């Protein structure tokens, strides 16, 4: 998968974290009593977006698992809150980021976790992501250029 694709996905997650966080912050500060559930859910979604943005850009099996978990929780949240907000609109006097499946944000909250999980699924084939202890790409380049350098330094690598 191209670097441009991962940057665009990360930028979309960062945008959603900023948009949801700013909205939730203002609403919590000014009118929390009007819809505490909705505003808390918006703040929670912001935290999940931020976590996903960081995890999707990092290498290693722990970051892969964290990114996959964040996208999965987001997908479940969008589907659950989206359905709940349509079935019981009285519980949501103010909309959340995930209300109506993210319709207030052009359904981007519904598309992002699907794209994030697709990205993670494609990344899982990368041995640097899926296999603990795998050498990082720059270490493989160093070995390809000078295989003796690794042997001279022993098992220590930068």
Protein backbone atom coordinates (compact mmCIF):
# COMPACT_ATOMS: atom_id res chain seq x y z
CA UNK A 1 0.00 0.00 0.00
CA UNK A 2 1.38 3.39 -0.92
CA UNK A 3 2.68 5.94 1.54
CA UNK A 4 0.24 8.48 0.11
CA UNK A 5 -2.72 6.28 1.03
CA UNK A 6 -1.54 5.90 4.62
CA UNK A 7 -0.86 9.64 4.92
CA UNK A 8 -4.33 10.48 3.61
CA UNK A 9 -5.93 8.02 6.02
CA UNK A 10 -3.93 9.41 8.93
CA UNK A 11 -4.81 12.97 7.92
CA UNK A 12 -8.51 12.04 7.83
CA UNK A 13 -8.25 10.53 11.31
CA UNK A 14 -6.38 13.58 12.60
CA UNK A 15 -9.01 15.87 11.07
CA UNK A 16 -11.81 13.89 12.72
CA UNK A 17 -9.98 13.93 16.07
CA UNK A 18 -9.66 17.70 15.86
CA UNK A 19 -13.22 18.27 14.64
CA UNK A 20 -14.83 15.93 17.16
CA UNK A 21 -12.60 17.11 20.01
CA UNK A 22 -13.20 20.80 19.37
CA UNK A 23 -16.93 20.27 19.04
CA UNK A 24 -17.12 18.15 22.18
CA UNK A 25 -14.95 20.58 24.13
CA UNK A 26 -17.16 23.54 23.31
CA UNK A 27 -20.36 21.61 23.95
CA UNK A 28 -19.14 20.17 27.25
CA UNK A 29 -17.96 23.59 28.42
CA UNK A 30 -21.11 25.48 27.44
CA UNK A 31 -24.09 23.12 27.45
CA UNK A 32 -23.15 19.78 29.03
CA UNK A 33 -26.41 19.52 30.99
CA UNK A 34 -28.47 19.59 27.78
CA UNK A 35 -27.08 16.30 26.41
CA UNK A 36 -24.36 14.72 28.55
CA UNK A 37 -24.50 11.36 26.76
CA UNK A 38 -24.12 12.87 23.30
CA UNK A 39 -21.28 15.18 24.30
CA UNK A 40 -19.41 12.44 26.16
CA UNK A 41 -19.72 10.15 23.15
CA UNK A 42 -18.31 12.88 20.90
CA UNK A 43 -15.34 13.33 23.23
CA UNK A 44 -14.81 9.56 23.32
CA UNK A 45 -14.90 9.38 19.52
CA UNK A 46 -12.29 12.13 19.38
CA UNK A 47 -9.96 10.12 21.61
CA UNK A 48 -10.46 7.02 19.46
CA UNK A 49 -9.71 9.00 16.29
CA UNK A 50 -6.53 10.39 17.82
CA UNK A 51 -5.40 6.94 18.94
CA UNK A 52 -6.09 5.51 15.49
CA UNK A 53 -4.20 8.35 13.79
CA UNK A 54 -1.08 7.60 15.83
CA UNK A 55 -1.35 3.81 15.67
CA UNK A 56 -1.88 3.64 11.91
CA UNK A 57 1.37 5.54 11.30
CA UNK A 58 3.54 3.43 13.58
CA UNK A 59 5.35 0.18 12.81
CA UNK A 60 5.42 -2.96 14.89
CA UNK A 61 2.98 -5.59 16.06
CA UNK A 62 1.82 -3.67 19.13
CA UNK A 63 0.90 -0.60 17.08
CA UNK A 64 -0.79 -2.82 14.50
CA UNK A 65 -2.94 -4.42 17.20
CA UNK A 66 -3.71 -1.04 18.77
CA UNK A 67 -4.65 0.47 15.39
CA UNK A 68 -6.84 -2.50 14.55
CA UNK A 69 -8.53 -2.30 17.95
CA UNK A 70 -9.15 1.44 17.58
CA UNK A 71 -10.69 1.00 14.12
CA UNK A 72 -12.80 -1.93 15.36
CA UNK A 73 -14.10 -0.01 18.38
CA UNK A 74 -14.83 2.92 16.11
CA UNK A 75 -16.78 0.74 13.68
CA UNK A 76 -18.82 -0.83 16.48
CA UNK A 77 -19.42 2.62 17.97
CA UNK A 78 -20.59 4.14 14.69
CA UNK A 79 -22.92 1.24 13.98
CA UNK A 80 -24.28 1.02 17.54
CA UNK A 81 -24.70 4.76 18.17
CA UNK A 82 -25.92 5.34 14.63
CA UNK A 83 -28.62 2.71 15.06
CA UNK A 84 -29.48 3.80 18.60
CA UNK A 85 -29.78 7.45 17.56
CA UNK A 86 -32.23 6.51 14.82
CA UNK A 87 -34.30 4.13 16.96
CA UNK A 88 -34.43 6.34 20.08
CA UNK A 89 -33.83 9.97 19.04
CA UNK A 90 -35.08 11.24 22.43
CA UNK A 91 -31.87 9.90 24.05
CA UNK A 92 -29.88 12.19 21.75
CA UNK A 93 -31.27 15.72 22.04
CA UNK A 94 -28.01 16.88 20.46
CA UNK A 95 -26.19 14.94 17.77
CA UNK A 96 -22.91 13.14 18.30
CA UNK A 97 -20.18 12.50 15.78
CA UNK A 98 -21.59 9.00 15.34
CA UNK A 99 -25.32 9.92 15.32
CA UNK A 100 -27.06 8.89 12.14
CA UNK A 101 -23.93 6.96 11.18
CA UNK A 102 -21.93 10.19 11.03
CA UNK A 103 -24.28 11.96 8.64
CA UNK A 104 -23.32 15.33 10.14
CA UNK A 105 -19.78 14.71 8.90
CA UNK A 106 -20.70 13.41 5.46
CA UNK A 107 -20.70 9.81 6.72
CA UNK A 108 -16.91 9.99 7.04
CA UNK A 109 -17.20 8.39 10.52
CA UNK A 110 -18.80 5.36 8.85
CA UNK A 111 -16.24 5.12 6.05
CA UNK A 112 -13.09 5.70 8.14
CA UNK A 113 -13.14 2.51 10.23
CA UNK A 114 -13.80 0.40 7.13
CA UNK A 115 -10.87 2.06 5.36
CA UNK A 116 -8.71 1.79 8.48
CA UNK A 117 -9.44 -1.92 8.87
CA UNK A 118 -8.76 -2.49 5.17
CA UNK A 119 -5.43 -0.69 5.57
CA UNK A 120 -4.59 -2.78 8.63
CA UNK A 121 -5.58 -5.99 6.86
CA UNK A 122 -3.26 -5.15 3.97
CA UNK A 123 -0.48 -4.13 6.36
CA UNK A 124 -0.65 -7.39 8.30
CA UNK A 125 1.18 -9.10 5.43
CA UNK A 126 4.15 -6.83 6.04
CA UNK A 127 6.60 -8.88 8.11
CA UNK A 128 7.78 -5.76 9.92
CA UNK A 129 4.29 -5.18 11.26
CA UNK A 130 2.96 -8.65 11.89
CA UNK A 131 6.00 -10.52 13.21
CA UNK A 132 7.46 -9.58 16.61
CA UNK A 133 11.21 -9.11 16.52
CA UNK A 134 11.35 -8.61 12.75
CA UNK A 135 14.08 -6.25 11.59
CA UNK A 136 12.96 -2.80 10.58
CA UNK A 137 13.22 -1.81 6.90
CA UNK A 138 16.29 0.39 7.44
CA UNK A 139 18.09 -2.57 9.05
CA UNK A 140 17.41 -4.73 5.99
CA UNK A 141 18.74 -1.98 3.71
CA UNK A 142 21.90 -1.76 5.83
CA UNK A 143 22.37 -5.53 5.65
CA UNK A 144 21.85 -5.55 1.89
CA UNK A 145 24.48 -2.84 1.40
CA UNK A 146 27.03 -4.27 3.83
CA UNK A 147 26.24 -7.74 5.24
CA UNK A 148 29.56 -7.81 7.10
CA UNK A 149 28.61 -4.67 9.05
CA UNK A 150 25.93 -6.54 10.95
CA UNK A 151 28.34 -9.33 11.81
CA UNK A 152 31.01 -6.85 13.01
CA UNK A 153 28.57 -5.14 15.34
CA UNK A 154 27.14 -8.33 16.69
CA UNK A 155 23.46 -8.38 17.50
CA UNK A 156 23.23 -4.69 18.31
CA UNK A 157 21.45 -2.62 15.70
CA UNK A 158 20.27 0.96 15.60
